[in-house]
Amino acid sequence: MQIIKTWLPAVTGMVCFGLGSGLMGIYGFFVEPISREFGAGVALLNLGPVALLLVPAILGASIGRLADRMPTRRILFAGATLAMLSLIALGQAPTLGLVALAFLSFSLGLTLYGPVVVNGLMVRIYPGREARALAVAAMGISFAAASLPPAVGHCWRTWAGVPPCNALLRVSWWCCCWRLQRARRGTSWGPRPPVTYARPGRPITIRHSG
């Protein structure tokens, strides 16, 4: 039981990666239906993965600074909630412009629980075991790439669409975050406090960056 509690944050990081970067493997399922519904070209819709890469690239430094100053679990909750609400809005959007706006919001949510925040969390709570924790978290991308496309394809044939499956994944991830918060209550995931070392004449304060 203790080993489960110890590695629960790393497993949650794995889920973050799987339902974040790992979702790029199923993007192709949506290109043809959206193109047919809105009359948009396939080349235009294939800019979606570019947004998934550009948003973290543009906002990565700002989110890293935010992760240094705020408790990590708040950022994870914010990202999961934003991504879930963006998917709901995306499914109800009546125009292609609103679809694009919802997808950008979804990309921002993924970035908030993406590699910058998750890797910072692994380094912070696993001192001396950072490499193992990072490896466990990164496994989520491989698992998602191997399992999500067949699962989505099966759901597409069975339910004639993916929204029920996607909604279930999002709700499960949100519940996982909630359970993780309760399991780790009392453990600070916030920034490390500054350490002051005594020195003749004046103290020296060192502030950790993550």
C-alpha atoms as a PDB file:
ATOM      1  CA  MET A   1       0.000   0.000   0.000  1.00  0.00           C
ATOM      2  CA  GLN A   2       2.841   2.364   0.814  1.00  0.00           C
ATOM      3  CA  ILE A   3       4.430   1.878  -2.606  1.00  0.00           C
ATOM      4  CA  ILE A   4       1.119   2.872  -4.230  1.00  0.00           C
ATOM      5  CA  LYS A   5       0.988   6.087  -2.216  1.00  0.00           C
ATOM      6  CA  THR A   6       4.628   6.775  -2.995  1.00  0.00           C
ATOM      7  CA  TRP A   7       4.282   6.439  -6.756  1.00  0.00           C
ATOM      8  CA  LEU A   8       0.740   7.735  -7.145  1.00  0.00           C
ATOM      9  CA  PRO A   9       1.966  11.197  -8.280  1.00  0.00           C
ATOM     10  CA  ALA A  10       4.188   9.565 -10.924  1.00  0.00           C
ATOM     11  CA  VAL A  11       1.266   7.468 -12.185  1.00  0.00           C
ATOM     12  CA  THR A  12      -0.841  10.611 -12.312  1.00  0.00           C
ATOM     13  CA  GLY A  13       1.928  12.213 -14.358  1.00  0.00           C
ATOM     14  CA  MET A  14       1.651   9.237 -16.697  1.00  0.00           C
ATOM     15  CA  VAL A  15      -2.081   9.927 -17.083  1.00  0.00           C
ATOM     16  CA  CYS A  16      -1.310  13.599 -17.746  1.00  0.00           C
ATOM     17  CA  PHE A  17       1.061  12.700 -20.558  1.00  0.00           C
ATOM     18  CA  GLY A  18      -1.297  10.054 -21.950  1.00  0.00           C
ATOM     19  CA  LEU A  19      -4.295  12.408 -22.048  1.00  0.00           C
ATOM     20  CA  GLY A  20      -2.117  15.314 -23.141  1.00  0.00           C
ATOM     21  CA  SER A  21       0.597  14.700 -25.707  1.00  0.00           C
ATOM     22  CA  GLY A  22      -0.731  11.180 -26.271  1.00  0.00           C
ATOM     23  CA  LEU A  23      -3.978  12.544 -27.722  1.00  0.00           C
ATOM     24  CA  MET A  24      -2.215  13.629 -30.913  1.00  0.00           C
ATOM     25  CA  GLY A  25      -2.463  10.028 -32.111  1.00  0.00           C
ATOM     26  CA  ILE A  26      -6.260  10.211 -32.439  1.00  0.00           C
ATOM     27  CA  TYR A  27      -6.531  13.635 -34.089  1.00  0.00           C
ATOM     28  CA  GLY A  28      -6.834  12.096 -37.541  1.00  0.00           C
ATOM     29  CA  PHE A  29     -10.164  10.482 -36.643  1.00  0.00           C
ATOM     30  CA  PHE A  30     -11.819  13.906 -36.510  1.00  0.00           C
ATOM     31  CA  VAL A  31     -10.429  15.505 -39.659  1.00  0.00           C
ATOM     32  CA  GLU A  32     -12.803  13.955 -42.181  1.00  0.00           C
ATOM     33  CA  PRO A  33     -16.067  14.405 -40.164  1.00  0.00           C
ATOM     34  CA  ILE A  34     -15.240  18.055 -39.343  1.00  0.00           C
ATOM     35  CA  SER A  35     -14.262  18.716 -42.947  1.00  0.00           C
ATOM     36  CA  ARG A  36     -17.563  17.252 -44.118  1.00  0.00           C
ATOM     37  CA  GLU A  37     -19.674  19.140 -41.568  1.00  0.00           C
ATOM     38  CA  PHE A  38     -18.122  22.597 -41.995  1.00  0.00           C
ATOM     39  CA  GLY A  39     -16.934  22.320 -45.590  1.00  0.00           C
ATOM     40  CA  ALA A  40     -13.318  23.058 -44.603  1.00  0.00           C
ATOM     41  CA  GLY A  41     -10.286  21.732 -46.430  1.00  0.00           C
ATOM     42  CA  VAL A  42      -8.278  18.892 -44.949  1.00  0.00           C
ATOM     43  CA  ALA A  43      -5.084  20.962 -45.195  1.00  0.00           C
ATOM     44  CA  LEU A  44      -6.671  23.655 -43.006  1.00  0.00           C
ATOM     45  CA  LEU A  45      -7.847  21.175 -40.377  1.00  0.00           C
ATOM     46  CA  ASN A  46      -4.428  19.567 -40.242  1.00  0.00           C
ATOM     47  CA  LEU A  47      -3.177  22.782 -38.627  1.00  0.00           C
ATOM     48  CA  GLY A  48      -4.695  21.459 -35.396  1.00  0.00           C
ATOM     49  CA  PRO A  49      -1.601  19.452 -34.362  1.00  0.00           C
ATOM     50  CA  VAL A  50       0.455  22.566 -35.073  1.00  0.00           C
ATOM     51  CA  ALA A  51      -1.580  24.403 -32.422  1.00  0.00           C
ATOM     52  CA  LEU A  52      -0.931  21.564 -29.977  1.00  0.00           C
ATOM     53  CA  LEU A  53       2.790  22.167 -30.479  1.00  0.00           C
ATOM     54  CA  LEU A  54       2.828  25.959 -30.752  1.00  0.00           C
ATOM     55  CA  VAL A  55       0.810  26.733 -27.618  1.00  0.00           C
ATOM     56  CA  PRO A  56       3.290  24.953 -25.290  1.00  0.00           C
ATOM     57  CA  ALA A  57       6.208  26.493 -27.194  1.00  0.00           C
ATOM     58  CA  ILE A  58       4.858  30.031 -26.812  1.00  0.00           C
ATOM     59  CA  LEU A  59       3.510  29.753 -23.262  1.00  0.00           C
ATOM     60  CA  GLY A  60       5.944  27.203 -21.825  1.00  0.00           C
ATOM     61  CA  ALA A  61       8.206  29.720 -20.087  1.00  0.00           C
ATOM     62  CA  SER A  62       5.261  31.606 -18.576  1.00  0.00           C
ATOM     63  CA  ILE A  63       3.658  28.389 -17.321  1.00  0.00           C
ATOM     64  CA  GLY A  64       6.989  27.276 -15.875  1.00  0.00           C
ATOM     65  CA  ARG A  65       7.226  30.536 -13.972  1.00  0.00           C
ATOM     66  CA  LEU A  66       3.651  30.019 -12.775  1.00  0.00           C
ATOM     67  CA  ALA A  67       4.530  26.493 -11.622  1.00  0.00           C
ATOM     68  CA  ASP A  68       7.410  27.920  -9.579  1.00  0.00           C
ATOM     69  CA  ARG A  69       5.070  30.290  -7.750  1.00  0.00           C
ATOM     70  CA  MET A  70       1.829  28.321  -7.363  1.00  0.00           C
ATOM     71  CA  PRO A  71       0.946  24.883  -5.959  1.00  0.00           C
ATOM     72  CA  THR A  72       1.176  22.353  -8.754  1.00  0.00           C
ATOM     73  CA  ARG A  73      -2.140  20.667  -8.004  1.00  0.00           C
ATOM     74  CA  ARG A  74      -4.001  23.928  -8.639  1.00  0.00           C
ATOM     75  CA  ILE A  75      -2.399  24.192 -12.064  1.00  0.00           C
ATOM     76  CA  LEU A  76      -3.243  20.562 -12.846  1.00  0.00           C
ATOM     77  CA  PHE A  77      -6.858  21.046 -11.792  1.00  0.00           C
ATOM     78  CA  ALA A  78      -7.112  24.241 -13.825  1.00  0.00           C
ATOM     79  CA  GLY A  79      -5.685  22.530 -16.904  1.00  0.00           C
ATOM     80  CA  ALA A  80      -7.896  19.440 -16.598  1.00  0.00           C
ATOM     81  CA  THR A  81     -11.024  21.540 -16.048  1.00  0.00           C
ATOM     82  CA  LEU A  82     -10.213  23.894 -18.934  1.00  0.00           C
ATOM     83  CA  ALA A  83      -9.520  20.991 -21.307  1.00  0.00           C
ATOM     84  CA  MET A  84     -12.740  19.212 -20.311  1.00  0.00           C
ATOM     85  CA  LEU A  85     -14.906  22.329 -20.727  1.00  0.00           C
ATOM     86  CA  SER A  86     -13.187  23.156 -24.026  1.00  0.00           C
ATOM     87  CA  LEU A  87     -14.011  19.712 -25.405  1.00  0.00           C
ATOM     88  CA  ILE A  88     -17.654  20.172 -24.424  1.00  0.00           C
ATOM     89  CA  ALA A  89     -17.712  23.574 -26.121  1.00  0.00           C
ATOM     90  CA  LEU A  90     -15.921  22.166 -29.163  1.00  0.00           C
ATOM     91  CA  GLY A  91     -18.564  19.461 -29.535  1.00  0.00           C
ATOM     92  CA  GLN A  92     -21.357  22.068 -29.491  1.00  0.00           C
ATOM     93  CA  ALA A  93     -19.670  24.745 -31.643  1.00  0.00           C
ATOM     94  CA  PRO A  94     -21.882  25.745 -34.602  1.00  0.00           C
ATOM     95  CA  THR A  95     -19.129  27.364 -36.708  1.00  0.00           C
ATOM     96  CA  LEU A  96     -15.582  26.517 -37.681  1.00  0.00           C
ATOM     97  CA  GLY A  97     -14.286  29.685 -36.009  1.00  0.00           C
ATOM     98  CA  LEU A  98     -15.736  28.624 -32.658  1.00  0.00           C
ATOM     99  CA  VAL A  99     -14.271  25.163 -33.186  1.00  0.00           C
ATOM    100  CA  ALA A 100     -10.835  26.725 -33.662  1.00  0.00           C
ATOM    101  CA  LEU A 101     -11.270  28.910 -30.572  1.00  0.00           C
ATOM    102  CA  ALA A 102     -12.363  25.950 -28.451  1.00  0.00           C
ATOM    103  CA  PHE A 103      -9.433  23.908 -29.753  1.00  0.00           C
ATOM    104  CA  LEU A 104      -6.968  26.647 -28.804  1.00  0.00           C
ATOM    105  CA  SER A 105      -8.497  26.712 -25.328  1.00  0.00           C
ATOM    106  CA  PHE A 106      -8.177  22.919 -25.238  1.00  0.00           C
ATOM    107  CA  SER A 107      -4.499  23.226 -26.208  1.00  0.00           C
ATOM    108  CA  LEU A 108      -3.972  25.675 -23.352  1.00  0.00           C
ATOM    109  CA  GLY A 109      -5.563  23.217 -20.926  1.00  0.00           C
ATOM    110  CA  LEU A 110      -3.250  20.462 -22.158  1.00  0.00           C
ATOM    111  CA  THR A 111      -0.282  22.769 -21.670  1.00  0.00           C
ATOM    112  CA  LEU A 112      -1.282  23.461 -18.056  1.00  0.00           C
ATOM    113  CA  TYR A 113      -1.006  19.765 -17.252  1.00  0.00           C
ATOM    114  CA  GLY A 114       1.733  19.103 -19.787  1.00  0.00           C
ATOM    115  CA  PRO A 115       5.456  18.354 -19.560  1.00  0.00           C
ATOM    116  CA  VAL A 116       6.518  21.671 -17.993  1.00  0.00           C
ATOM    117  CA  VAL A 117       4.285  21.278 -14.934  1.00  0.00           C
ATOM    118  CA  VAL A 118       4.474  17.491 -14.638  1.00  0.00           C
ATOM    119  CA  ASN A 119       8.255  17.280 -14.975  1.00  0.00           C
ATOM    120  CA  GLY A 120       8.660  20.053 -12.429  1.00  0.00           C
ATOM    121  CA  LEU A 121       6.411  18.123 -10.066  1.00  0.00           C
ATOM    122  CA  MET A 122       8.392  14.904 -10.508  1.00  0.00           C
ATOM    123  CA  VAL A 123      11.688  16.645  -9.774  1.00  0.00           C
ATOM    124  CA  ARG A 124      10.218  18.390  -6.739  1.00  0.00           C
ATOM    125  CA  ILE A 125       8.653  15.423  -4.919  1.00  0.00           C
ATOM    126  CA  TYR A 126      11.103  12.663  -5.861  1.00  0.00           C
ATOM    127  CA  PRO A 127      14.527  13.930  -4.777  1.00  0.00           C
ATOM    128  CA  GLY A 128      17.146  11.337  -5.612  1.00  0.00           C
ATOM    129  CA  ARG A 129      14.664   9.395  -7.782  1.00  0.00           C
ATOM    130  CA  GLU A 130      13.938  12.017 -10.405  1.00  0.00           C
ATOM    131  CA  ALA A 131      14.972   9.909 -13.417  1.00  0.00           C
ATOM    132  CA  ARG A 132      12.746   7.000 -12.408  1.00  0.00           C
ATOM    133  CA  ALA A 133       9.777   9.275 -11.755  1.00  0.00           C
ATOM    134  CA  LEU A 134      10.259  11.075 -15.080  1.00  0.00           C
ATOM    135  CA  ALA A 135      10.461   7.719 -16.870  1.00  0.00           C
ATOM    136  CA  VAL A 136       7.217   6.499 -15.262  1.00  0.00           C
ATOM    137  CA  ALA A 137       5.429   9.712 -16.250  1.00  0.00           C
ATOM    138  CA  ALA A 138       6.758   9.622 -19.819  1.00  0.00           C
ATOM    139  CA  MET A 139       5.405   6.084 -20.282  1.00  0.00           C
ATOM    140  CA  GLY A 140       1.955   7.649 -20.631  1.00  0.00           C
ATOM    141  CA  ILE A 141       2.732   8.911 -24.153  1.00  0.00           C
ATOM    142  CA  SER A 142       3.710   5.435 -25.364  1.00  0.00           C
ATOM    143  CA  PHE A 143       0.729   3.762 -23.713  1.00  0.00           C
ATOM    144  CA  ALA A 144      -1.653   6.334 -25.203  1.00  0.00           C
ATOM    145  CA  ALA A 145      -0.117   6.052 -28.684  1.00  0.00           C
ATOM    146  CA  ALA A 146      -0.523   2.265 -28.577  1.00  0.00           C
ATOM    147  CA  SER A 147      -3.975   2.017 -26.974  1.00  0.00           C
ATOM    148  CA  LEU A 148      -6.027   5.119 -27.802  1.00  0.00           C
ATOM    149  CA  PRO A 149      -6.250   4.792 -31.631  1.00  0.00           C
ATOM    150  CA  PRO A 150      -7.651   1.215 -31.518  1.00  0.00           C
ATOM    151  CA  ALA A 151      -9.981   2.156 -28.635  1.00  0.00           C
ATOM    152  CA  VAL A 152     -11.265   5.255 -30.431  1.00  0.00           C
ATOM    153  CA  GLY A 153     -11.699   3.292 -33.658  1.00  0.00           C
ATOM    154  CA  HIS A 154     -13.762   0.687 -31.820  1.00  0.00           C
ATOM    155  CA  CYS A 155     -15.899   3.354 -30.155  1.00  0.00           C
ATOM    156  CA  TRP A 156     -16.360   5.092 -33.498  1.00  0.00           C
ATOM    157  CA  ARG A 157     -17.799   1.925 -35.015  1.00  0.00           C
ATOM    158  CA  THR A 158     -19.807   0.990 -31.934  1.00  0.00           C
ATOM    159  CA  TRP A 159     -21.245   4.376 -30.938  1.00  0.00           C
ATOM    160  CA  ALA A 160     -20.986   6.137 -34.321  1.00  0.00           C
ATOM    161  CA  GLY A 161     -18.883   8.809 -32.638  1.00  0.00           C
ATOM    162  CA  VAL A 162     -16.286   9.431 -29.946  1.00  0.00           C
ATOM    163  CA  PRO A 163     -17.801  12.093 -27.629  1.00  0.00           C
ATOM    164  CA  PRO A 164     -19.063   9.546 -25.014  1.00  0.00           C
ATOM    165  CA  CYS A 165     -15.627   7.905 -24.850  1.00  0.00           C
ATOM    166  CA  ASN A 166     -13.803  11.234 -24.736  1.00  0.00           C
ATOM    167  CA  ALA A 167     -16.113  12.565 -22.046  1.00  0.00           C
ATOM    168  CA  LEU A 168     -15.552   9.411 -19.999  1.00  0.00           C
ATOM    169  CA  LEU A 169     -11.782   9.811 -20.288  1.00  0.00           C
ATOM    170  CA  ARG A 170     -11.982  13.443 -19.184  1.00  0.00           C
ATOM    171  CA  VAL A 171     -14.241  12.735 -16.219  1.00  0.00           C
ATOM    172  CA  SER A 172     -11.988   9.847 -15.161  1.00  0.00           C
ATOM    173  CA  TRP A 173      -8.934  12.117 -15.357  1.00  0.00           C
ATOM    174  CA  TRP A 174     -10.653  14.829 -13.333  1.00  0.00           C
ATOM    175  CA  CYS A 175     -11.635  12.255 -10.663  1.00  0.00           C
ATOM    176  CA  CYS A 176      -8.035  11.039 -10.641  1.00  0.00           C
ATOM    177  CA  CYS A 177      -6.840  14.576  -9.927  1.00  0.00           C
ATOM    178  CA  TRP A 178      -9.402  14.938  -7.141  1.00  0.00           C
ATOM    179  CA  ARG A 179      -8.373  11.620  -5.580  1.00  0.00           C
ATOM    180  CA  LEU A 180      -4.723  12.572  -5.862  1.00  0.00           C
ATOM    181  CA  GLN A 181      -5.346  15.841  -4.068  1.00  0.00           C
ATOM    182  CA  ARG A 182      -7.020  14.023  -1.172  1.00  0.00           C
ATOM    183  CA  ALA A 183      -4.272  11.396  -1.036  1.00  0.00           C
ATOM    184  CA  ARG A 184      -1.535  14.029  -0.932  1.00  0.00           C
ATOM    185  CA  ARG A 185      -3.338  16.457   1.397  1.00  0.00           C
ATOM    186  CA  GLY A 186      -0.796  17.775   3.829  1.00  0.00           C
ATOM    187  CA  THR A 187       2.066  17.468   1.333  1.00  0.00           C
ATOM    188  CA  SER A 188       3.030  20.745  -0.255  1.00  0.00           C
ATOM    189  CA  TRP A 189       3.305  20.783  -4.018  1.00  0.00           C
ATOM    190  CA  GLY A 190       4.006  24.460  -3.999  1.00  0.00           C
ATOM    191  CA  PRO A 191       7.305  26.209  -4.573  1.00  0.00           C
ATOM    192  CA  ARG A 192      10.167  25.382  -2.267  1.00  0.00           C
ATOM    193  CA  PRO A 193      10.679  27.981   0.425  1.00  0.00           C
ATOM    194  CA  PRO A 194      13.881  30.001   0.247  1.00  0.00           C
ATOM    195  CA  VAL A 195      16.758  28.627   2.309  1.00  0.00           C
ATOM    196  CA  THR A 196      18.863  31.026   4.363  1.00  0.00           C
ATOM    197  CA  TYR A 197      22.442  30.131   5.279  1.00  0.00           C
ATOM    198  CA  ALA A 198      24.270  31.882   8.073  1.00  0.00           C
ATOM    199  CA  ARG A 199      27.448  33.737   7.154  1.00  0.00           C
ATOM    200  CA  PRO A 200      29.545  36.103   9.211  1.00  0.00           C
ATOM    201  CA  GLY A 201      28.428  39.605   8.453  1.00  0.00           C
ATOM    202  CA  ARG A 202      25.225  38.849   6.489  1.00  0.00           C
ATOM    203  CA  PRO A 203      22.894  35.971   5.644  1.00  0.00           C
ATOM    204  CA  ILE A 204      22.739  34.437   2.174  1.00  0.00           C
ATOM    205  CA  THR A 205      19.295  33.485   0.851  1.00  0.00           C
ATOM    206  CA  ILE A 206      18.987  30.923  -1.946  1.00  0.00           C
ATOM    207  CA  ARG A 207      15.688  30.651  -3.783  1.00  0.00           C
ATOM    208  CA  HIS A 208      14.913  27.403  -5.524  1.00  0.00           C
ATOM    209  CA  SER A 209      13.548  27.677  -9.044  1.00  0.00           C
ATOM    210  CA  GLY A 210      11.463  24.513  -8.948  1.00  0.00           C
END
